[in-house]
């Protein structure tokens, strides 16, 4: 099995960091920021160790933070 190209690992990492910066600029609460910070840390670890398996929790945490942000802006309860 061949290794995943390094540039493919950068795509979810960039998405996480862009979402995290947007959440911080908009002063989102901890329900949004904490999963994004955990995703960003895991994404950096995935890049540093070149373990694509770590992208699964990155994507799950990113979607959790992103969907929570969307729900909060729609006015739905947590």
C-alpha atoms as a PDB file:
ATOM      1  CA  UNK A   1       0.000   0.000   0.000  1.00  0.00           C
ATOM      2  CA  UNK A   2       1.467   3.323  -1.012  1.00  0.00           C
ATOM      3  CA  UNK A   3       1.650   6.307   1.293  1.00  0.00           C
ATOM      4  CA  UNK A   4      -0.805   9.154   0.935  1.00  0.00           C
ATOM      5  CA  UNK A   5       0.830  12.197  -0.679  1.00  0.00           C
ATOM      6  CA  UNK A   6       1.718  14.871   1.865  1.00  0.00           C
ATOM      7  CA  UNK A   7      -0.337  17.566   0.123  1.00  0.00           C
ATOM      8  CA  UNK A   8      -3.523  15.542   0.701  1.00  0.00           C
ATOM      9  CA  UNK A   9      -2.924  15.766   4.445  1.00  0.00           C
ATOM     10  CA  UNK A  10      -2.751  19.558   4.213  1.00  0.00           C
ATOM     11  CA  UNK A  11      -6.319  19.955   2.935  1.00  0.00           C
ATOM     12  CA  UNK A  12      -8.193  19.003   6.140  1.00  0.00           C
ATOM     13  CA  UNK A  13      -5.552  20.793   8.213  1.00  0.00           C
ATOM     14  CA  UNK A  14      -6.130  24.005   6.293  1.00  0.00           C
ATOM     15  CA  UNK A  15      -9.905  23.637   6.672  1.00  0.00           C
ATOM     16  CA  UNK A  16      -9.550  23.214  10.442  1.00  0.00           C
ATOM     17  CA  UNK A  17      -7.251  26.194  10.847  1.00  0.00           C
ATOM     18  CA  UNK A  18      -9.398  28.463   8.664  1.00  0.00           C
ATOM     19  CA  UNK A  19     -12.493  27.509  10.656  1.00  0.00           C
ATOM     20  CA  UNK A  20     -10.630  28.012  13.948  1.00  0.00           C
ATOM     21  CA  UNK A  21      -9.422  31.475  12.955  1.00  0.00           C
ATOM     22  CA  UNK A  22     -12.954  32.419  11.875  1.00  0.00           C
ATOM     23  CA  UNK A  23     -14.385  31.165  15.168  1.00  0.00           C
ATOM     24  CA  UNK A  24     -11.828  33.147  17.144  1.00  0.00           C
ATOM     25  CA  UNK A  25     -12.447  36.305  15.121  1.00  0.00           C
ATOM     26  CA  UNK A  26     -16.198  35.954  15.695  1.00  0.00           C
ATOM     27  CA  UNK A  27     -15.573  35.262  19.410  1.00  0.00           C
ATOM     28  CA  UNK A  28     -17.394  31.965  19.449  1.00  0.00           C
ATOM     29  CA  UNK A  29     -17.870  30.178  22.739  1.00  0.00           C
ATOM     30  CA  UNK A  30     -16.046  27.143  24.086  1.00  0.00           C
ATOM     31  CA  UNK A  31     -18.609  24.767  22.543  1.00  0.00           C
ATOM     32  CA  UNK A  32     -17.164  25.730  19.163  1.00  0.00           C
ATOM     33  CA  UNK A  33     -13.543  26.600  19.917  1.00  0.00           C
ATOM     34  CA  UNK A  34     -12.548  23.567  22.019  1.00  0.00           C
ATOM     35  CA  UNK A  35     -13.307  20.930  19.336  1.00  0.00           C
ATOM     36  CA  UNK A  36     -11.554  23.080  16.739  1.00  0.00           C
ATOM     37  CA  UNK A  37      -8.449  23.493  18.908  1.00  0.00           C
ATOM     38  CA  UNK A  38      -8.351  19.728  19.522  1.00  0.00           C
ATOM     39  CA  UNK A  39      -8.763  19.149  15.783  1.00  0.00           C
ATOM     40  CA  UNK A  40      -5.966  21.607  14.993  1.00  0.00           C
ATOM     41  CA  UNK A  41      -3.609  19.912  17.460  1.00  0.00           C
ATOM     42  CA  UNK A  42      -4.426  16.471  16.103  1.00  0.00           C
ATOM     43  CA  UNK A  43      -3.980  17.748  12.552  1.00  0.00           C
ATOM     44  CA  UNK A  44      -0.514  19.050  13.347  1.00  0.00           C
ATOM     45  CA  UNK A  45       0.328  15.669  14.884  1.00  0.00           C
ATOM     46  CA  UNK A  46      -0.969  13.938  11.739  1.00  0.00           C
ATOM     47  CA  UNK A  47       1.305  16.065   9.579  1.00  0.00           C
ATOM     48  CA  UNK A  48       4.322  15.721  11.844  1.00  0.00           C
ATOM     49  CA  UNK A  49       4.066  11.947  12.059  1.00  0.00           C
ATOM     50  CA  UNK A  50       2.666  11.405   8.554  1.00  0.00           C
ATOM     51  CA  UNK A  51      -0.141   9.228   9.948  1.00  0.00           C
ATOM     52  CA  UNK A  52      -3.225   9.605   7.754  1.00  0.00           C
ATOM     53  CA  UNK A  53      -5.246   7.591  10.286  1.00  0.00           C
ATOM     54  CA  UNK A  54      -5.187  10.651  12.554  1.00  0.00           C
ATOM     55  CA  UNK A  55      -7.269  12.501   9.977  1.00  0.00           C
ATOM     56  CA  UNK A  56     -10.389  10.631  11.112  1.00  0.00           C
ATOM     57  CA  UNK A  57     -10.563  12.368  14.516  1.00  0.00           C
ATOM     58  CA  UNK A  58      -9.528  15.637  12.858  1.00  0.00           C
ATOM     59  CA  UNK A  59     -12.510  15.520  10.524  1.00  0.00           C
ATOM     60  CA  UNK A  60     -14.900  14.406  13.282  1.00  0.00           C
ATOM     61  CA  UNK A  61     -13.787  17.217  15.609  1.00  0.00           C
ATOM     62  CA  UNK A  62     -13.843  19.760  12.787  1.00  0.00           C
ATOM     63  CA  UNK A  63     -17.391  18.800  11.826  1.00  0.00           C
ATOM     64  CA  UNK A  64     -18.449  18.930  15.483  1.00  0.00           C
ATOM     65  CA  UNK A  65     -17.136  22.478  15.873  1.00  0.00           C
ATOM     66  CA  UNK A  66     -18.447  23.602  12.507  1.00  0.00           C
ATOM     67  CA  UNK A  67     -21.934  22.183  12.968  1.00  0.00           C
ATOM     68  CA  UNK A  68     -22.136  23.572  16.503  1.00  0.00           C
ATOM     69  CA  UNK A  69     -21.224  27.004  15.163  1.00  0.00           C
ATOM     70  CA  UNK A  70     -23.910  26.775  12.489  1.00  0.00           C
ATOM     71  CA  UNK A  71     -26.535  25.612  15.001  1.00  0.00           C
ATOM     72  CA  UNK A  72     -25.685  28.419  17.424  1.00  0.00           C
ATOM     73  CA  UNK A  73     -25.989  31.028  14.688  1.00  0.00           C
ATOM     74  CA  UNK A  74     -29.355  29.614  13.649  1.00  0.00           C
ATOM     75  CA  UNK A  75     -30.550  29.974  17.224  1.00  0.00           C
ATOM     76  CA  UNK A  76     -30.997  26.271  17.910  1.00  0.00           C
ATOM     77  CA  UNK A  77     -30.111  24.922  21.347  1.00  0.00           C
ATOM     78  CA  UNK A  78     -26.845  23.061  21.864  1.00  0.00           C
END
